[in-house]
Amino acid sequence: MEEKKPKKIIRKAADQAETTAPVKGGSTIGLRIGSAVLWAIAIACEVLCILLLNGTLYVPISLMAALIIGIVIDLICVVVAAMLWKKANRIKPMKKEGNKVGFYLWSQLGLIMAIACFLPLIVILLKNKDLDKKTKRIVAVVAIVAMVLAGALSIDYDPISAEEKASAESLIEGDVYWTAFGKKYHIDEDCQALANSDTLYAGSVTDAIEANRTTLCAFCARNHEIEGELKIEDAE
C-alpha cells in the first residue's frame, strides 16, 4: 500500500500571531479610510472624464486617450478600495440580526461604489452627440467593460456577519486549515476534502476568516458535531 505523502503546512509565525492577536475584532479605521480616499479619487476621475466630454476641461492629448486613462485609473482605485473594504469587513464585520438590509448594503458597498463610479459617465458618454462615432464606440466599450470588471471584483460573494464570526471563534479552538483556493476552512488537517491538497495554511479561525475562508467544511462540522450561528458548508 502506498504511503501517504505528508502535507506541507504553513503556520502563522508565532511573532506575527502575537502582533495580530490584540487587533482581533479591533479597529479597521485605517482600511476604511483608505477605501474612502480611493473611492473619492475614483469619483474625481469620473468627474474629470465628464468635464473632458462636455469640453469644460482641456488636455493636450487626444480625447480618446485622456478618457481611457481616466477610466483605467478609476478602475484601479475602485478595485483596490473594495479589497480594503472587504478585508475590513472580515476583521470587524457588521451585525446582521435585525438589520439585513443594512448588512447587505454595508457588505456590498464596493459594488455600489463601482456602479456609482462608472454608470453616470457611461450614460453621459452615450448621450453625447458631439463625439465622433469611433471615439464614442471605443470609449463606451472600455467604460462598460471597466464597470463590469469593477463590479465583479468588488462584490463580496460570501460576506460574514459579526454573529457568525463570534460563533466560530467561540466554538472552534486551536488551529484550523485552509488551502490557497476556495472559501472553506477545516478543523482536521487530514479531512477528506483536503485529500488532494499538498500544501495547507494553518492558523486560528480568526486568521482563516481574515484570509477570506469564512465557511466551515461540512465534513469537519459533522465529525466534531459543531452547530451554531457560524457559516457551515451545505452538505450535499
Foldseek 3Di string as FASTA:
>chain_A
DDDDDAFAEAEDDPVVCVVCVVCQLHDLVVLLVLLVVLLVLLLVLLVVLLCLLVVVDDDPDDNLVSLLVSLVSSLVSLLSSLVSQQLSCLRHNAACPPPVVVNQCSQQVSLVSLCVSQVVSLVSLVPRPPDDPVSSVVSNVSSVVSSVVSNVSNHPPDGDHPQQLVLQQVQDDDKWKDAPDDQAIENDPVPPVCSPPRYIYMDGVSVSSSVNNQEYEQSRCVVVVDDDSHHYDDDD
